[in-house]
C-alpha atoms as a PDB file:
ATOM      1  CA  MET A   1      -0.034  -0.030  -0.321  1.00  0.00           C
ATOM      2  CA  ASN A   2       1.247   3.503  -0.718  1.00  0.00           C
ATOM      3  CA  VAL A   3       0.830   5.732   2.215  1.00  0.00           C
ATOM      4  CA  GLN A   4       1.135   9.377   1.863  1.00  0.00           C
ATOM      5  CA  GLU A   5       0.683  12.490   3.836  1.00  0.00           C
ATOM      6  CA  LYS A   6      -2.176  14.768   2.454  1.00  0.00           C
ATOM      7  CA  ILE A   7      -3.769  18.295   3.659  1.00  0.00           C
ATOM      8  CA  VAL A   8      -7.683  18.115   3.774  1.00  0.00           C
ATOM      9  CA  PRO A   9      -8.884  21.546   3.035  1.00  0.00           C
ATOM     10  CA  ASP A  10     -11.773  23.209   4.956  1.00  0.00           C
ATOM     11  CA  HIS A  11     -14.953  22.242   3.725  1.00  0.00           C
ATOM     12  CA  LYS A  12     -18.698  21.566   4.770  1.00  0.00           C
ATOM     13  CA  ILE A  13     -20.135  18.080   5.262  1.00  0.00           C
ATOM     14  CA  ALA A  14     -23.849  16.702   5.491  1.00  0.00           C
ATOM     15  CA  VAL A  15     -23.603  13.987   7.999  1.00  0.00           C
ATOM     16  CA  MET A  16     -25.841  11.155   9.654  1.00  0.00           C
ATOM     17  CA  LYS A  17     -24.960   9.580  13.028  1.00  0.00           C
ATOM     18  CA  HIS A  18     -25.383   6.003  13.659  1.00  0.00           C
ATOM     19  CA  LYS A  19     -24.928   3.167  16.131  1.00  0.00           C
ATOM     20  CA  GLY A  20     -25.704  -0.246  14.716  1.00  0.00           C
ATOM     21  CA  PRO A  21     -24.441  -2.652  12.023  1.00  0.00           C
ATOM     22  CA  LEU A  22     -22.736  -1.705   8.746  1.00  0.00           C
ATOM     23  CA  SER A  23     -25.554  -3.429   6.899  1.00  0.00           C
ATOM     24  CA  ASP A  24     -27.748  -0.156   7.805  1.00  0.00           C
ATOM     25  CA  MET A  25     -25.304   1.979   5.644  1.00  0.00           C
ATOM     26  CA  GLU A  26     -26.950   1.196   2.430  1.00  0.00           C
ATOM     27  CA  VAL A  27     -30.333   2.544   3.718  1.00  0.00           C
ATOM     28  CA  MET A  28     -28.402   5.518   5.182  1.00  0.00           C
ATOM     29  CA  ILE A  29     -26.787   6.271   1.948  1.00  0.00           C
ATOM     30  CA  SER A  30     -30.444   6.072   0.131  1.00  0.00           C
ATOM     31  CA  LYS A  31     -31.625   8.623   2.871  1.00  0.00           C
ATOM     32  CA  LEU A  32     -28.542  10.966   2.377  1.00  0.00           C
ATOM     33  CA  THR A  33     -28.723  10.808  -1.469  1.00  0.00           C
ATOM     34  CA  GLY A  34     -32.427  11.576  -1.568  1.00  0.00           C
ATOM     35  CA  TRP A  35     -32.299  14.556   0.819  1.00  0.00           C
ATOM     36  CA  VAL A  36     -29.174  15.961  -1.410  1.00  0.00           C
ATOM     37  CA  GLU A  37     -31.197  15.561  -4.487  1.00  0.00           C
ATOM     38  CA  ASP A  38     -34.511  16.821  -3.051  1.00  0.00           C
ATOM     39  CA  LYS A  39     -32.800  20.040  -1.711  1.00  0.00           C
ATOM     40  CA  GLU A  40     -30.704  20.219  -5.001  1.00  0.00           C
ATOM     41  CA  ILE A  41     -27.409  20.391  -2.901  1.00  0.00           C
ATOM     42  CA  LYS A  42     -24.095  20.258  -4.673  1.00  0.00           C
ATOM     43  CA  THR A  43     -21.966  17.590  -3.346  1.00  0.00           C
ATOM     44  CA  ILE A  44     -18.070  18.160  -3.840  1.00  0.00           C
ATOM     45  CA  GLY A  45     -16.575  14.714  -2.962  1.00  0.00           C
ATOM     46  CA  ASP A  46     -17.398  11.002  -2.260  1.00  0.00           C
ATOM     47  CA  TYR A  47     -19.341   9.672   0.472  1.00  0.00           C
ATOM     48  CA  PHE A  48     -17.645   8.705   3.577  1.00  0.00           C
ATOM     49  CA  VAL A  49     -17.725   7.049   6.873  1.00  0.00           C
ATOM     50  CA  ILE A  50     -15.889   8.027  10.098  1.00  0.00           C
ATOM     51  CA  PHE A  51     -15.736   5.491  12.596  1.00  0.00           C
ATOM     52  CA  TYR A  52     -15.734   5.942  16.384  1.00  0.00           C
ATOM     53  CA  ARG A  53     -16.088   2.150  17.358  1.00  0.00           C
ATOM     54  CA  MET A  54     -14.691   0.013  14.573  1.00  0.00           C
ATOM     55  CA  PRO A  55     -16.314  -2.844  13.166  1.00  0.00           C
ATOM     56  CA  ASP A  56     -13.674  -5.372  13.806  1.00  0.00           C
ATOM     57  CA  ARG A  57     -13.340  -4.432  17.410  1.00  0.00           C
ATOM     58  CA  VAL A  58     -16.880  -4.505  18.763  1.00  0.00           C
ATOM     59  CA  LYS A  59     -20.200  -6.407  18.380  1.00  0.00           C
ATOM     60  CA  GLU A  60     -22.017  -5.767  15.198  1.00  0.00           C
ATOM     61  CA  ASP A  61     -24.680  -3.566  16.794  1.00  0.00           C
ATOM     62  CA  ASP A  62     -22.165  -1.514  18.800  1.00  0.00           C
ATOM     63  CA  VAL A  63     -20.318  -0.172  15.837  1.00  0.00           C
ATOM     64  CA  VAL A  64     -20.598   3.658  15.852  1.00  0.00           C
ATOM     65  CA  TYR A  65     -20.178   5.806  12.849  1.00  0.00           C
ATOM     66  CA  ASP A  66     -21.029   8.919  10.974  1.00  0.00           C
ATOM     67  CA  LEU A  67     -21.994   8.727   7.262  1.00  0.00           C
ATOM     68  CA  GLY A  68     -21.586  11.576   5.303  1.00  0.00           C
ATOM     69  CA  VAL A  69     -20.727  13.558   2.070  1.00  0.00           C
ATOM     70  CA  PRO A  70     -18.728  16.751   1.407  1.00  0.00           C
ATOM     71  CA  ILE A  71     -21.279  19.516   0.289  1.00  0.00           C
ATOM     72  CA  SER A  72     -20.782  23.078  -1.281  1.00  0.00           C
ATOM     73  CA  ASP A  73     -20.737  26.155   1.045  1.00  0.00           C
ATOM     74  CA  ASP A  74     -24.358  26.919   0.199  1.00  0.00           C
ATOM     75  CA  GLU A  75     -26.634  27.512   3.163  1.00  0.00           C
ATOM     76  CA  VAL A  76     -28.327  24.256   4.102  1.00  0.00           C
ATOM     77  CA  ASP A  77     -30.786  23.544   6.933  1.00  0.00           C
ATOM     78  CA  LYS A  78     -29.938  20.600   8.907  1.00  0.00           C
ATOM     79  CA  THR A  79     -32.912  17.929   9.614  1.00  0.00           C
ATOM     80  CA  PRO A  80     -33.337  15.428  12.538  1.00  0.00           C
ATOM     81  CA  GLU A  81     -31.514  12.975  10.800  1.00  0.00           C
ATOM     82  CA  ILE A  82     -28.953  14.893   8.888  1.00  0.00           C
ATOM     83  CA  ASP A  83     -26.575  17.590  10.428  1.00  0.00           C
ATOM     84  CA  ILE A  84     -24.306  20.053   8.615  1.00  0.00           C
ATOM     85  CA  ALA A  85     -20.944  20.406   9.930  1.00  0.00           C
ATOM     86  CA  ASP A  86     -17.660  22.359   9.219  1.00  0.00           C
ATOM     87  CA  MET A  87     -14.533  20.147   8.777  1.00  0.00           C
ATOM     88  CA  VAL A  88     -11.339  22.347   9.367  1.00  0.00           C
ATOM     89  CA  GLU A  89      -8.280  21.896   7.441  1.00  0.00           C
ATOM     90  CA  HIS A  90      -5.994  19.013   8.990  1.00  0.00           C
ATOM     91  CA  THR A  91      -3.317  16.732   7.742  1.00  0.00           C
ATOM     92  CA  VAL A  92      -3.955  12.902   7.199  1.00  0.00           C
ATOM     93  CA  LEU A  93      -2.074   9.801   6.241  1.00  0.00           C
ATOM     94  CA  SER A  94      -3.869   8.394   3.289  1.00  0.00           C
ATOM     95  CA  GLY A  95      -4.061   4.829   1.499  1.00  0.00           C
ATOM     96  CA  ILE A  96      -6.081   3.003  -0.833  1.00  0.00           C
ATOM     97  CA  HIS A  97      -7.561  -0.174   0.218  1.00  0.00           C
ATOM     98  CA  GLN A  98      -8.890  -2.340  -2.486  1.00  0.00           C
ATOM     99  CA  GLY A  99     -11.271  -5.253  -1.570  1.00  0.00           C
ATOM    100  CA  SER A 100     -13.651  -6.263   1.067  1.00  0.00           C
ATOM    101  CA  ARG A 101     -13.788  -5.231   4.609  1.00  0.00           C
ATOM    102  CA  ASP A 102     -12.738  -8.815   5.471  1.00  0.00           C
ATOM    103  CA  ASN A 103      -9.013  -7.729   4.909  1.00  0.00           C
ATOM    104  CA  ILE A 104      -9.114  -4.091   5.617  1.00  0.00           C
ATOM    105  CA  ARG A 105      -7.382  -4.537   8.952  1.00  0.00           C
ATOM    106  CA  GLU A 106      -4.262  -5.150   7.138  1.00  0.00           C
ATOM    107  CA  SER A 107      -4.547  -1.936   5.247  1.00  0.00           C
ATOM    108  CA  TYR A 108      -4.952  -0.190   8.632  1.00  0.00           C
ATOM    109  CA  ASP A 109      -1.943  -2.105  10.208  1.00  0.00           C
ATOM    110  CA  GLU A 110       0.207  -1.008   7.224  1.00  0.00           C
ATOM    111  CA  MET A 111      -0.751   2.614   7.756  1.00  0.00           C
ATOM    112  CA  ILE A 112      -0.343   2.307  11.660  1.00  0.00           C
ATOM    113  CA  GLU A 113       2.958   1.048  11.199  1.00  0.00           C
ATOM    114  CA  PHE A 114       4.053   3.747   8.550  1.00  0.00           C
ATOM    115  CA  ALA A 115       2.908   6.362  11.151  1.00  0.00           C
ATOM    116  CA  GLU A 116       4.927   4.702  13.706  1.00  0.00           C
ATOM    117  CA  LEU A 117       8.077   4.541  11.615  1.00  0.00           C
ATOM    118  CA  ASN A 118       7.725   8.066  10.191  1.00  0.00           C
ATOM    119  CA  HIS A 119       6.921   9.748  13.471  1.00  0.00           C
ATOM    120  CA  TYR A 120       3.205  10.459  12.943  1.00  0.00           C
ATOM    121  CA  ASP A 121       0.806  10.639  15.826  1.00  0.00           C
ATOM    122  CA  ILE A 122      -2.594   9.551  15.025  1.00  0.00           C
ATOM    123  CA  ILE A 123      -4.865  11.993  16.731  1.00  0.00           C
ATOM    124  CA  GLY A 124      -8.571  11.046  15.602  1.00  0.00           C
ATOM    125  CA  SER A 125     -10.789   8.673  14.139  1.00  0.00           C
ATOM    126  CA  PRO A 126     -10.158   7.010  10.861  1.00  0.00           C
ATOM    127  CA  LYS A 127     -12.327   8.158   7.794  1.00  0.00           C
ATOM    128  CA  GLU A 128     -13.065   5.531   4.868  1.00  0.00           C
ATOM    129  CA  ILE A 129     -13.850   7.582   1.609  1.00  0.00           C
ATOM    130  CA  PHE A 130     -15.840   5.239  -1.118  1.00  0.00           C
ATOM    131  CA  LEU A 131     -14.385   5.735  -4.228  1.00  0.00           C
ATOM    132  CA  ASN A 132     -16.828   3.612  -5.746  1.00  0.00           C
ATOM    133  CA  SER A 133     -20.070   2.206  -4.333  1.00  0.00           C
ATOM    134  CA  PRO A 134     -19.786  -0.827  -2.362  1.00  0.00           C
ATOM    135  CA  PHE A 135     -23.056  -1.754  -3.427  1.00  0.00           C
ATOM    136  CA  GLU A 136     -22.550  -1.404  -7.160  1.00  0.00           C
ATOM    137  CA  VAL A 137     -19.414  -3.210  -7.671  1.00  0.00           C
ATOM    138  CA  GLU A 138     -18.101  -6.721  -6.504  1.00  0.00           C
ATOM    139  CA  GLU A 139     -16.385  -6.779  -3.050  1.00  0.00           C
ATOM    140  CA  LYS A 140     -12.881  -7.516  -4.643  1.00  0.00           C
ATOM    141  CA  ASP A 141     -13.311  -4.255  -6.568  1.00  0.00           C
ATOM    142  CA  CYS A 142     -14.370  -2.140  -3.758  1.00  0.00           C
ATOM    143  CA  LEU A 143     -12.101   0.959  -3.480  1.00  0.00           C
ATOM    144  CA  ARG A 144     -11.745   3.131  -0.310  1.00  0.00           C
ATOM    145  CA  GLU A 145      -9.440   5.769   0.591  1.00  0.00           C
ATOM    146  CA  ILE A 146      -8.463   5.290   4.357  1.00  0.00           C
ATOM    147  CA  GLN A 147      -7.429   8.753   6.008  1.00  0.00           C
ATOM    148  CA  LEU A 148      -5.680   8.836   9.589  1.00  0.00           C
ATOM    149  CA  PRO A 149      -5.668  12.271  11.072  1.00  0.00           C
ATOM    150  CA  VAL A 150      -2.280  13.105  12.141  1.00  0.00           C
ATOM    151  CA  ILE A 151       0.471  15.289  13.318  1.00  0.00           C
ATOM    152  CA  LYS A 152       4.125  14.985  12.812  1.00  0.00           C
ATOM    153  CA  MET A 153       6.011  14.397  16.043  1.00  0.00           C
END
């Protein structure tokens, strides 16, 4: 895996908070997509998930994550299910994982090892950006950009 440092610029996100199985994500993406289309909101990036309790570390129903999408700076009202937040510029380590979630821990481990060897401190929750839809391609073809927020030590 090629791991590199990136700067993520300031941007707004539309986000849904969730505790439960990853299988709920398809319905959540549908709801978020429907809201974006209904409100004619311009998206400026791919859908993503930020994990606060990783799926491989807790019971299926105890996974905690946000599902979101970057949006333009237009004035947008939040809803009871969808919040609007500002993401401030930050530094991440970035790597591309190809394949299913079954072996994604290997990609995380490679990135953590890279961080340790290169004197980075991981300072926040991991983000996985869907570079293609896991619901529209075979698992072996799923592409996710993993981002780990870091500071250089």
